[in-house]
Protein backbone atom coordinates (compact mmCIF):
# COMPACT_ATOMS: atom_id res chain seq x y z
CA MET A 1 0.00 0.00 0.00
CA LYS A 2 1.39 3.37 -1.03
CA LYS A 3 0.82 6.35 1.22
CA PRO A 4 0.07 9.69 -0.46
CA ALA A 5 2.95 12.12 -0.33
CA LEU A 6 2.69 14.95 2.17
CA LYS A 7 2.29 18.25 0.41
CA MET A 8 4.99 20.68 1.48
CA ALA A 9 2.58 23.49 2.32
CA LEU A 10 0.59 21.19 4.57
CA ALA A 11 3.67 19.63 6.12
CA ALA A 12 5.11 23.00 7.04
CA SER A 13 2.07 23.81 9.13
CA LEU A 14 1.50 20.39 10.67
CA THR A 15 0.04 20.71 14.14
CA PHE A 16 -0.72 18.10 16.73
CA SER A 17 -3.96 19.94 17.41
CA ALA A 18 -5.90 17.65 19.73
CA PHE A 19 -2.86 17.09 21.90
CA GLY A 20 -2.01 20.77 22.13
CA THR A 21 1.59 20.38 20.95
CA GLN A 22 3.05 22.30 18.05
CA ALA A 23 4.45 19.59 15.85
CA VAL A 24 7.18 21.03 13.68
CA LEU A 25 7.67 18.64 10.80
CA ALA A 26 11.20 17.32 10.67
CA LYS A 27 12.97 16.14 7.58
CA PRO A 28 13.61 12.43 7.15
CA SER A 29 16.91 11.39 8.64
CA GLU A 30 19.88 11.83 6.34
CA ALA A 31 20.76 8.23 7.17
CA VAL A 32 17.68 7.05 5.30
CA GLN A 33 18.52 5.87 1.80
CA SER A 34 16.45 4.16 -0.83
CA GLN A 35 16.77 0.47 -0.07
CA PRO A 36 15.50 -2.61 -1.87
CA TYR A 37 12.55 -4.47 -0.43
CA LYS A 38 14.18 -7.00 1.90
CA VAL A 39 13.39 -10.69 2.09
CA PHE A 40 13.09 -10.57 5.88
CA ASP A 41 10.26 -8.02 5.56
CA ASN A 42 8.10 -10.77 4.08
CA LYS A 43 8.34 -12.76 7.31
CA VAL A 44 6.29 -10.00 8.89
CA ILE A 45 4.17 -8.61 6.06
CA ASN A 46 2.94 -11.97 4.80
CA GLU A 47 1.74 -12.93 8.28
CA ILE A 48 -0.17 -9.76 9.21
CA ASN A 49 -3.92 -10.34 9.17
CA VAL A 50 -5.65 -6.97 9.32
CA ASP A 51 -8.97 -8.67 10.04
CA ASN A 52 -7.51 -9.86 13.35
CA ILE A 53 -6.71 -6.25 14.24
CA TYR A 54 -10.12 -4.99 13.15
CA ASN A 55 -12.03 -7.71 15.02
CA ASN A 56 -10.10 -7.09 18.23
CA ILE A 57 -10.84 -3.37 17.97
CA ASP A 58 -14.50 -4.24 17.53
CA TYR A 59 -14.44 -6.37 20.67
CA LEU A 60 -12.59 -3.84 22.80
CA ALA A 61 -14.67 -0.86 21.66
CA LYS A 62 -18.06 -2.22 22.70
CA VAL A 63 -17.97 -0.03 25.83
CA PRO A 64 -15.70 2.70 27.26
CA ARG A 65 -12.70 1.33 29.17
CA VAL A 66 -12.15 4.00 31.80
CA ALA A 67 -9.15 3.27 34.02
CA GLY A 68 -10.05 1.54 37.27
CA THR A 69 -13.46 0.33 36.09
CA GLU A 70 -14.76 -3.18 35.52
CA ALA A 71 -14.79 -2.51 31.77
CA GLU A 72 -11.07 -1.76 31.77
CA TYR A 73 -10.36 -4.88 33.83
CA ASN A 74 -12.37 -6.97 31.34
CA ALA A 75 -10.21 -5.52 28.57
CA VAL A 76 -7.09 -6.52 30.54
CA GLN A 77 -8.36 -10.09 30.79
CA PHE A 78 -9.15 -10.19 27.08
CA ILE A 79 -5.69 -8.92 26.15
CA LYS A 80 -4.11 -11.46 28.49
CA SER A 81 -6.08 -14.31 26.90
CA GLU A 82 -5.09 -13.18 23.40
CA PHE A 83 -1.40 -13.08 24.28
CA GLU A 84 -1.71 -16.53 25.86
CA SER A 85 -3.43 -17.90 22.77
CA TYR A 86 -0.29 -16.97 20.79
CA GLY A 87 1.85 -18.97 23.21
CA TYR A 88 3.11 -16.21 25.50
CA GLY A 89 3.48 -16.23 29.22
CA VAL A 90 1.82 -13.06 30.49
CA ASP A 91 2.54 -10.82 33.48
CA ILE A 92 -0.16 -8.56 34.88
CA GLN A 93 1.36 -5.55 36.64
CA GLU A 94 -1.08 -4.01 39.10
CA PHE A 95 -0.83 -0.42 40.26
CA THR A 96 -3.01 2.04 42.13
CA PHE A 97 -3.76 5.62 41.25
CA THR A 98 -5.96 8.44 42.38
CA GLY A 99 -9.16 8.17 40.38
CA TYR A 100 -11.65 10.91 39.76
CA THR A 101 -15.37 10.93 39.03
CA PRO A 102 -16.47 14.25 37.48
CA PRO A 103 -19.35 16.25 38.93
CA SER A 104 -22.89 15.12 38.23
CA SER A 105 -24.11 18.71 38.33
CA MET A 106 -22.84 22.29 38.56
CA GLU A 107 -24.70 25.49 39.30
CA LEU A 108 -23.65 29.13 39.25
CA THR A 109 -25.96 32.00 40.12
CA VAL A 110 -24.92 35.66 40.36
CA ASP A 111 -27.07 38.37 41.88
CA GLY A 112 -28.27 40.87 39.32
CA PHE A 113 -26.63 39.15 36.35
CA GLU A 114 -29.04 38.66 33.47
CA GLY A 115 -26.82 36.73 31.08
CA GLU A 116 -26.80 32.96 30.65
CA LEU A 117 -24.07 30.95 32.41
CA ASN A 118 -23.19 27.36 31.49
CA PRO A 119 -20.28 26.30 33.69
CA SER A 120 -18.07 23.31 32.93
CA SER A 121 -15.86 21.42 35.36
CA PHE A 122 -12.14 20.90 35.83
CA THR A 123 -10.80 17.43 36.39
CA TYR A 124 -9.98 17.06 40.12
CA THR A 125 -12.22 19.87 41.29
CA PRO A 126 -13.87 18.84 44.58
CA SER A 127 -17.57 19.11 45.31
CA GLY A 128 -18.72 22.14 47.26
CA ASP A 129 -21.55 24.56 47.90
CA VAL A 130 -20.38 28.11 48.57
CA THR A 131 -21.89 31.58 48.57
CA GLY A 132 -19.86 34.75 48.79
CA GLU A 133 -18.83 37.99 47.20
CA LEU A 134 -17.54 37.62 43.63
CA VAL A 135 -14.11 39.25 43.31
CA LEU A 136 -11.96 39.97 40.24
CA ALA A 137 -8.61 38.23 40.72
CA GLY A 138 -6.74 38.87 37.46
CA LEU A 139 -4.78 35.85 36.24
CA GLY A 140 -4.66 34.38 39.73
CA LYS A 141 -0.92 34.86 40.14
CA LYS A 142 0.47 35.14 43.67
CA GLU A 143 1.62 38.72 43.23
CA GLU A 144 -1.81 39.76 41.97
CA LEU A 145 -3.58 38.21 44.96
CA ALA A 146 -1.21 39.59 47.60
CA ASP A 147 -3.33 42.70 48.20
CA ILE A 148 -6.78 41.17 47.59
CA ASP A 149 -8.94 39.93 50.44
CA LEU A 150 -10.47 36.68 49.19
CA THR A 151 -11.47 35.23 52.56
CA GLY A 152 -14.78 33.42 52.11
CA LYS A 153 -15.18 34.89 48.62
CA ILE A 154 -15.38 33.53 45.08
CA ALA A 155 -12.46 34.50 42.82
CA LEU A 156 -13.11 35.29 39.14
CA ILE A 157 -9.87 34.55 37.28
CA LYS A 158 -8.86 34.78 33.64
CA ARG A 159 -7.07 31.90 31.91
CA GLY A 160 -3.41 32.39 30.96
CA GLU A 161 0.30 32.35 31.99
CA ILE A 162 0.01 29.78 34.80
CA THR A 163 -1.82 26.46 35.04
CA PHE A 164 -5.40 26.03 36.17
CA GLY A 165 -4.16 24.17 39.24
CA GLU A 166 -1.84 27.02 40.23
CA LYS A 167 -4.65 29.54 39.89
CA VAL A 168 -6.93 27.53 42.17
CA LEU A 169 -4.18 26.89 44.73
CA ASN A 170 -3.16 30.53 44.81
CA ALA A 171 -6.75 31.66 45.32
CA THR A 172 -7.43 29.01 47.96
CA ALA A 173 -4.22 29.92 49.83
CA THR A 174 -5.50 33.48 50.19
CA GLY A 175 -8.85 32.32 51.56
CA ALA A 176 -11.09 31.90 48.51
CA ALA A 177 -14.05 29.57 49.06
CA GLY A 178 -14.60 29.03 45.34
CA VAL A 179 -12.95 29.76 41.99
CA ILE A 180 -14.29 30.60 38.53
CA ILE A 181 -11.82 30.58 35.62
CA TYR A 182 -12.91 31.94 32.25
CA ASN A 183 -11.29 31.35 28.88
CA ASN A 184 -8.95 33.78 27.13
CA ALA A 185 -10.01 32.53 23.70
CA ASP A 186 -13.27 31.56 22.07
CA GLY A 187 -14.75 28.21 23.03
CA ALA A 188 -15.25 26.24 26.19
CA VAL A 189 -12.55 25.33 28.69
CA ASN A 190 -12.00 21.59 29.05
CA GLY A 191 -9.15 21.36 31.49
CA THR A 192 -7.60 19.65 34.47
CA LEU A 193 -6.17 20.87 37.76
CA GLY A 194 -3.39 18.33 37.19
CA GLU A 195 -3.72 16.23 40.33
CA ALA A 196 -6.01 15.53 43.26
CA ARG A 197 -5.37 17.74 46.28
CA GLU A 198 -7.19 18.39 49.52
CA ASP A 199 -6.49 22.14 49.41
CA TYR A 200 -8.48 22.89 46.24
CA ALA A 201 -11.59 25.02 46.52
CA PRO A 202 -14.44 23.97 44.18
CA ALA A 203 -13.65 25.38 40.73
CA ILE A 204 -15.66 25.77 37.54
CA ALA A 205 -14.96 27.15 34.07
CA LEU A 206 -16.75 29.64 31.81
CA THR A 207 -16.30 30.71 28.22
CA LYS A 208 -14.53 33.94 27.36
CA ALA A 209 -17.80 35.70 26.57
CA GLU A 210 -19.43 34.55 29.82
CA GLY A 211 -16.40 35.50 31.90
CA GLU A 212 -15.98 38.94 30.36
CA ALA A 213 -19.67 39.71 30.82
CA LEU A 214 -19.46 38.58 34.44
CA ALA A 215 -16.32 40.67 35.03
CA ALA A 216 -18.08 43.75 33.67
CA HIS A 217 -21.01 43.07 36.00
CA VAL A 218 -18.69 42.81 39.02
CA GLN A 219 -17.10 46.15 38.17
CA SER A 220 -20.50 47.82 38.60
CA GLY A 221 -20.50 47.16 42.34
CA THR A 222 -20.47 44.51 45.08
CA VAL A 223 -21.94 41.25 43.73
CA SER A 224 -22.80 38.02 45.56
CA ALA A 225 -22.62 34.63 43.86
CA SER A 226 -23.42 31.02 44.67
CA LEU A 227 -21.38 28.15 43.27
CA LYS A 228 -22.40 24.52 43.69
CA VAL A 229 -20.50 21.44 42.49
CA GLU A 230 -22.08 18.05 43.25
CA GLY A 231 -21.01 14.45 42.68
CA ALA A 232 -17.27 14.92 42.24
CA VAL A 233 -15.38 12.03 43.87
CA THR A 234 -11.65 11.45 44.29
CA GLU A 235 -10.58 7.96 45.43
CA GLU A 236 -7.85 5.34 45.09
CA ARG A 237 -8.40 2.93 42.19
CA THR A 238 -6.58 0.02 40.59
CA SER A 239 -5.43 -0.49 37.01
CA HIS A 240 -3.06 -2.89 35.26
CA ASN A 241 -0.37 -3.20 32.62
CA VAL A 242 -0.33 -6.39 30.52
CA ILE A 243 3.12 -7.68 29.52
CA ALA A 244 3.95 -10.48 27.08
CA THR A 245 7.63 -11.25 26.46
CA LYS A 246 9.28 -12.88 23.45
CA LYS A 247 12.68 -14.17 24.49
CA PRO A 248 15.55 -14.42 21.98
CA THR A 249 15.31 -17.53 19.83
CA ASN A 250 18.84 -18.72 20.63
CA LYS A 251 20.09 -17.92 24.13
CA LYS A 252 23.71 -18.37 23.06
CA LYS A 253 23.36 -15.61 20.47
CA ALA A 254 21.17 -13.30 22.58
CA ASN A 255 22.46 -9.71 22.71
CA ASN A 256 20.75 -8.66 25.99
CA ASP A 257 18.79 -5.88 24.22
CA VAL A 258 15.05 -5.31 24.67
CA ILE A 259 12.56 -3.63 22.34
CA VAL A 260 9.19 -2.56 23.76
CA VAL A 261 6.12 -2.37 21.52
CA GLY A 262 3.07 -0.97 23.25
CA ALA A 263 -0.22 0.91 23.40
CA HIS A 264 -2.74 1.94 26.04
CA HIS A 265 -5.92 -0.05 26.55
CA ASP A 266 -7.96 2.48 28.56
CA SER A 267 -10.30 5.10 27.11
CA VAL A 268 -12.02 8.23 28.40
CA GLU A 269 -15.49 8.52 29.92
CA LEU A 270 -18.31 7.88 27.40
CA ALA A 271 -15.89 7.14 24.53
CA PRO A 272 -15.73 3.54 23.20
CA GLY A 273 -12.19 4.37 22.10
CA ALA A 274 -12.07 2.38 18.87
CA ASN A 275 -9.22 4.49 17.56
CA ASP A 276 -8.07 5.82 20.96
CA ASP A 277 -6.67 3.36 21.63
CA ALA A 278 -8.19 0.00 20.80
CA SER A 279 -6.47 0.47 17.43
CA GLY A 280 -3.01 0.57 19.00
CA THR A 281 -3.82 -2.24 21.42
CA ALA A 282 -5.13 -4.52 18.68
CA THR A 283 -2.14 -3.76 16.44
CA THR A 284 0.21 -4.58 19.32
CA LEU A 285 -1.61 -7.89 19.76
CA GLU A 286 -1.28 -8.73 16.07
CA LEU A 287 2.42 -7.88 16.01
CA ALA A 288 2.90 -10.12 19.03
CA ARG A 289 1.22 -12.96 17.13
CA VAL A 290 3.23 -12.34 13.95
CA LEU A 291 6.62 -12.03 15.67
CA LYS A 292 6.13 -14.90 18.13
CA ASN A 293 8.08 -17.49 16.16
CA VAL A 294 10.43 -15.47 13.97
CA PRO A 295 14.15 -15.90 14.78
CA THR A 296 15.55 -13.03 16.86
CA ASP A 297 18.57 -12.33 19.03
CA THR A 298 16.73 -9.52 20.85
CA GLU A 299 14.00 -9.72 23.47
CA ILE A 300 10.70 -8.09 22.45
CA ARG A 301 8.15 -7.03 25.07
CA PHE A 302 4.58 -6.33 24.04
CA ILE A 303 2.86 -4.17 26.65
CA THR A 304 -0.58 -2.58 26.93
CA PHE A 305 -0.74 0.14 29.54
CA GLY A 306 -3.55 1.22 31.84
CA ALA A 307 -4.54 4.74 32.91
CA GLU A 308 -2.78 6.52 30.05
CA GLU A 309 -5.66 8.94 29.70
CA LEU A 310 -5.17 10.14 33.27
CA GLY A 311 -1.56 11.22 32.79
CA LEU A 312 0.46 8.25 31.45
CA ILE A 313 0.15 6.54 34.81
CA GLY A 314 0.60 2.93 33.69
CA SER A 315 3.65 3.51 31.50
CA THR A 316 5.22 5.74 34.15
CA HIS A 317 4.69 3.03 36.76
CA TYR A 318 6.28 0.45 34.46
CA VAL A 319 9.37 2.54 33.71
CA ASP A 320 9.80 3.81 37.27
CA ASN A 321 9.71 0.29 38.71
CA LEU A 322 12.29 -1.26 36.40
CA PRO A 323 15.64 -2.05 38.05
CA GLU A 324 18.47 0.01 36.61
CA ASP A 325 20.00 -2.96 34.80
CA GLU A 326 16.64 -3.80 33.19
CA LEU A 327 16.10 -0.18 32.19
CA ASN A 328 19.51 -0.10 30.54
CA ARG A 329 18.62 -3.14 28.43
CA ILE A 330 15.71 -1.39 26.65
CA ILE A 331 16.95 0.12 23.39
CA ALA A 332 13.66 1.23 21.82
CA ASN A 333 9.98 1.91 22.51
CA PHE A 334 7.45 1.84 19.68
CA ASN A 335 4.23 3.43 21.00
CA LEU A 336 1.03 2.95 18.95
CA ASP A 337 -1.72 5.43 19.83
CA MET A 338 -4.64 6.18 17.49
CA VAL A 339 -3.40 4.36 14.39
CA GLY A 340 -6.61 3.45 12.55
CA SER A 341 -9.04 6.31 11.97
CA LYS A 342 -10.19 6.85 8.40
CA ASP A 343 -10.98 10.46 9.34
CA ALA A 344 -7.48 11.34 10.57
CA GLY A 345 -4.54 12.64 8.55
CA ASP A 346 -1.26 11.01 7.53
CA LEU A 347 1.03 8.89 9.67
CA VAL A 348 3.64 10.79 11.64
CA MET A 349 6.04 9.84 14.43
CA MET A 350 6.23 12.02 17.53
CA THR A 351 9.30 12.15 19.75
CA ALA A 352 9.31 13.95 23.08
CA ASP A 353 12.12 16.29 22.05
CA GLY A 354 11.42 16.48 18.32
CA GLU A 355 14.77 14.86 17.52
CA PRO A 356 15.32 11.64 15.53
CA ASN A 357 16.32 8.48 17.38
CA LEU A 358 16.69 4.76 16.83
CA VAL A 359 12.92 4.25 16.54
CA THR A 360 12.37 6.98 13.95
CA GLU A 361 15.38 5.87 11.97
CA LEU A 362 14.30 2.22 11.90
CA ALA A 363 10.74 3.18 10.94
CA GLN A 364 11.90 5.61 8.26
CA GLU A 365 14.04 2.88 6.77
CA SER A 366 11.14 0.42 6.78
CA SER A 367 8.57 2.91 5.44
CA LYS A 368 10.96 3.89 2.66
CA ARG A 369 11.34 0.25 1.69
CA LEU A 370 7.61 -0.43 1.87
CA ASN A 371 6.05 2.82 0.65
CA GLY A 372 8.79 4.55 -1.26
CA GLU A 373 8.97 7.46 1.21
CA ALA A 374 10.07 7.91 4.80
CA THR A 375 7.40 8.55 7.45
CA PRO A 376 8.05 12.04 8.87
CA TYR A 377 8.73 12.75 12.53
CA ALA A 378 7.80 15.73 14.68
CA GLN A 379 7.67 16.79 18.33
CA GLY A 380 4.85 15.65 20.60
CA GLY A 381 4.13 14.20 24.02
CA ARG A 382 0.99 13.18 25.89
CA SER A 383 1.32 9.47 25.24
CA ASP A 384 3.15 6.46 26.62
CA HIS A 385 6.46 7.06 24.81
CA VAL A 386 7.21 9.98 27.15
CA PRO A 387 8.28 8.06 30.30
CA PHE A 388 10.59 5.91 28.16
CA ALA A 389 12.10 8.99 26.49
CA GLU A 390 12.69 10.68 29.83
CA ALA A 391 14.51 7.57 31.04
CA GLY A 392 16.91 7.94 28.12
CA ILE A 393 15.30 5.29 25.90
CA PRO A 394 14.79 6.05 22.19
CA ALA A 395 11.01 6.23 21.82
CA ALA A 396 8.39 7.48 19.40
CA LEU A 397 4.63 7.72 19.11
CA PHE A 398 2.98 6.49 15.90
CA ILE A 399 -0.22 8.45 15.17
CA HIS A 400 -2.13 10.01 12.29
CA ASP A 401 -2.22 13.80 12.26
CA PRO A 402 -4.38 15.80 12.36
CA VAL A 403 -6.46 13.54 14.59
CA GLU A 404 -10.05 12.67 13.73
CA PRO A 405 -12.97 14.90 14.79
CA TRP A 406 -14.32 11.98 16.86
CA TYR A 407 -11.36 12.13 19.25
CA HIS A 408 -12.52 11.59 22.87
CA THR A 409 -16.19 11.44 21.95
CA PRO A 410 -18.90 8.74 21.90
CA GLU A 411 -18.46 8.68 18.10
CA ASP A 412 -15.02 7.02 18.32
CA THR A 413 -16.51 3.75 17.09
CA ILE A 414 -15.54 0.80 14.92
CA ASP A 415 -17.20 2.20 11.78
CA LYS A 416 -14.57 4.98 11.73
CA ILE A 417 -11.67 2.52 11.46
CA SER A 418 -9.63 2.10 8.26
CA LYS A 419 -8.16 -1.34 7.60
CA GLU A 420 -5.76 0.25 5.12
CA LYS A 421 -4.24 2.48 7.81
CA LEU A 422 -4.04 -0.40 10.28
CA GLN A 423 -2.22 -2.52 7.69
CA ASP A 424 0.21 0.30 6.89
CA VAL A 425 1.16 0.92 10.53
CA ALA A 426 1.45 -2.78 11.32
CA GLU A 427 3.78 -3.28 8.34
CA ILE A 428 5.98 -0.27 9.10
CA VAL A 429 6.33 -1.00 12.82
CA GLY A 430 6.50 -4.77 12.43
CA THR A 431 9.28 -4.70 9.84
CA ALA A 432 11.18 -1.98 11.72
CA VAL A 433 11.11 -4.02 14.94
CA TYR A 434 12.11 -7.22 13.17
CA ASP A 435 14.88 -5.46 11.24
CA LYS A 436 16.52 -4.56 14.56
CA ALA A 437 15.65 -7.76 16.45
CA ARG A 438 16.72 -10.29 13.82
CA PHE A 439 20.04 -12.11 14.06
CA ASP A 440 23.24 -10.31 13.20
CA ASN A 441 21.77 -6.89 12.58
CA THR A 442 24.67 -4.44 12.52
CA GLY A 443 22.72 -1.29 11.65
CA THR A 444 21.79 1.81 13.66
CA LYS A 445 22.73 1.75 17.34
CA ALA A 446 20.67 3.21 20.16
CA LYS A 447 21.75 6.48 21.76
CA LYS A 448 20.41 7.04 25.28
CA VAL A 449 20.06 10.50 26.77
CA LYS A 450 18.16 10.95 30.04
CA LYS A 451 15.92 13.99 30.27
CA GLU A 452 14.24 15.98 33.02
CA LYS A 453 10.60 15.14 33.63
CA ASN A 454 8.31 17.66 31.93
CA ILE A 455 4.78 17.52 33.36
CA GLU A 456 3.42 19.30 30.29
CA LEU A 457 4.24 16.18 28.26
CA TYR A 458 1.96 14.14 30.52
CA HIS A 459 -1.26 16.12 30.96
CA ASN A 460 -3.14 17.36 27.96
CA LYS A 461 -5.63 14.80 26.73
CA ASP A 462 -9.11 15.93 27.66
CA VAL A 463 -10.34 13.88 30.60
CA LYS A 464 -14.12 13.96 30.84
């Protein structure tokens, strides 16, 4: 299957819109040269059955798989049984996290205000029922609040410059009983406070138009408001990673290297998650089946991660709990997230720093052999390649950009899935992995560079 060439005008403006990261298109690595179609590629391509991928997506996407729920656990058991049916021993890695149930209702009433208000919630806002004077609090920065008496009052804050969580904490620290944050651009705010904390006041969001109208009303004189958030619950929950390991074929020739191929199996509230990310999970399963019996001198681990949608929790737990010697063995992470939507754009690889690495180079070599052109790479986070990258492991996210309009909605269903795109990704990733894992490969070597943790690379996906 030949992929259409990226037009230069489009490529120059490529944006990772739904993930909020500017994705500056990078040129294919200079190391990539036109290569003949290799015989070993056929050992992968001829075995890929795209119907297996499609059918597993269909099974997984019957219901949303929110982390910590029975539906996610059922998905874990299904993935485990599929790995076992291919002949793998499977490890289930359990971990706990702070789970959040969003509010069931929100109300905001303001004395004397005649406009319509339709508040939305922030992830991790607590429930609360407060009444107090509504006070303008700028951007909610500490220096702005130093001379404002917010004790028992409701702070009206504009979005910008600092995070939502910082705004709420700053207001709460100066006595605010409630917080309203309004947008600085058109459209609704769909955000998170970043983490669960006991010192948050109840917080809600308004559009730019609503917030500006409310701010003008406050400027006319002293105004009282009532803010009520009901049904929000923060509690400890359990999720799991599913790990299937292919050991080297010949122990005497084993090179001690490990390649990780993975995806996340959870979805967001109300979204069946056919593309996000049953597509990546099902493709990982099929690659595990295809590569099970091919000769390799490298260990390959196939992993599906839990609680990705809540901040890459499962993949972070996996990486953080590896002993140093095990961590040093991993030379590459291929992360498959949203790889099948017919309504999304072209395939691109995202690296946390926007730089090429072993994964992008292997995949560019394989895509050039298979499709006649190298898959481009760009910068992007917010998926399970990030913890690997920050541990110094070459890692990349495989995704189609721009993402489909059904992203994180109830319309992310099986009928939106393209078998052609699934086949393309499975071939590119499968042949790239096998190219490196096969016996006597003397090609590109891994370069490991540890990086500081950047929380912005973790939290961005809309959690509903």
